[in-house]
């Protein structure tokens, strides 16, 4: 009943609905749905309101699709200054100065072009930060040309943008001239814009950067005389400049100013100045004052004094601060500057050298969580520290973390982990680490290869990995070890990986290496693997490797006793055809072969063997 008199909701217009949906689609990083929706609309550039088109322009340019953004802008029937400013800002942010200049020229040629103060501000900021930067005279001409030509008044941001651009370009003379002009115009009541705290702070910073402390102080005094109140940025800019200029007496004067309440940035600046001059005691006093005055300490506060204490060999005090840093979770607090991992390297070294790698890892992890710039030296220190304490798993996790960040661990890191896992008998992981090392383009020593191969052979179930390693060694021209190569083939046969065994043997012999074939064939015969033994005997014949009478006889005997008379005959025939000394088979073996063939009904083959037996007997009689 209470809603009976309420008018019905008006339907949303097509323009508003289309804009709403486009804004929703632009929330995704993938712009394809937004562009597909745009192409599905009838006359989208006249249907959509400016704010929706501007949002699409910014999204395209931010995604690096500069050509698409520019084409879209050129298709807008009546581009507004806001549309143009959106595109211009995005182009300049991405360093596309040439494209920005071309778009600007095209826009200004349009009879309906209406650049405004925002256009001027965007250009001043973008061109002064581009590479190469626009020259100061060009910026001044631009500052005069646009307002005069298009009849708009520069605002406070315009003046400050030009002042910042001139200071950034190093033209202090032109910057001071503009600054003085603004002050004089204000006093004569001719200025549309008055200098504000940003104006004065910009000028002060320009002098401080060049070490001109007295000139910076002069501008600060002008600021007070003109009734403009300095802010924290003003004070901290001066304190940093005075510290860098070594004018600590001026710093003291600022700190005694009633209107200034030092903050974290102030104290960090003071500590940095003391640490830079080796005044550790004074830096620690400032650090203590922060607690007394209840000024919060950030990661930079701790990192400076921790590093300074380490460099001064005061490691116990440094570790106490690390404990406090971790306990208070300072690094987990957002805001402020991102800490540098490299600043903590001295304390990482100390902790890892004193059996406290775990504590170092916690500190390191919190730094990584803050997206600190990764540091190779820190990673290496922690990897070797964990390996020293026997925690090879954590050392390996750090290696993987390095690789994810496109850092390549060096030989020392990899070898420490490979050797550690090998000593613990965890050979599959040791092999995995070695494989990653090879993929990183590093070359371990021959002894490292042999050590890992030996460990794999001692570990049951690692025959495949051992074979993989031998093949990699062959590819990389790493010297083979006769015993290890032989044992690898033996392990493959014991694991029923016969094809792989034959492949590795062939690769070894093709590259001029050998294995202890007599031992290997003997082991196979002991394991009743006479077919495999026969294949290796035939392989040896092909490679002109003389095995001797006893080896050939043992294989023949084994084949005969296991019902493989045909295979035994094939081997015997090849031995005869080869003409090698291995063809001389023991008489008892010939008798056994003849008997086996005769029993199998292979009369022709039995007769051939009998004939060879008679020839052998005749030769014996001749020698007698």
Foldseek 3Di string as FASTA:
>chain_A
DVCPPPDDDDDDDPQVVLLVVLVVCLVDLDCVVSVVSCVVDDVSLVSYDPVSLLSVLLSCLQNVVLVVSLVSQVPRPQDALSSLLSNLLSCLVVQVVVVSVVSVVVLVVDPNRAHALSSLLSCLQSQLPHVVHDDLVVNVCSLPPNCVVRVYDHEPSNLLSSLLSCLSNVNLVVSVVSLVVLCVCVVVVNDPYHDAQSSLLSNLLSCLVVLNLVVSVVSVVVCVVVPHDHDQSSLLSSLLSCLVNVNVVVVVVSVPDPVDDDAQSNLLSVLVSCLVVLNLVVNVVSLVVCVVVVHDHAPSSLLSNLLSCLVVVVLVVSVVSLVVCVVVVRLVDDDDDQDAPVSCLSNLLVCLVVLNLVSLVVVVVSSVVSVHDDDLSSLQSSLVSCLVVLNLVVSVVSCVVCVVVVHHHDPVSLLSSLVSCLVVLVLVVSLVSVVVNVVSVDDDALVSLVSSLVSLLVDPPSLVSSLVSLVVCLVVVRDDDQASLQSSLLSCVVVVVLVSSVVSQVSQVVVPHHHPLLVSLVVCVVVLNLVSSLVSVLVCLVVVNQNDQVSLLSSLVSCLVVLNLVSSLVSLVSLVVSPDNNNDHDLVSLVSSLVSCVVVVVVVSSVVSVVVSVVVVVVVVVVD
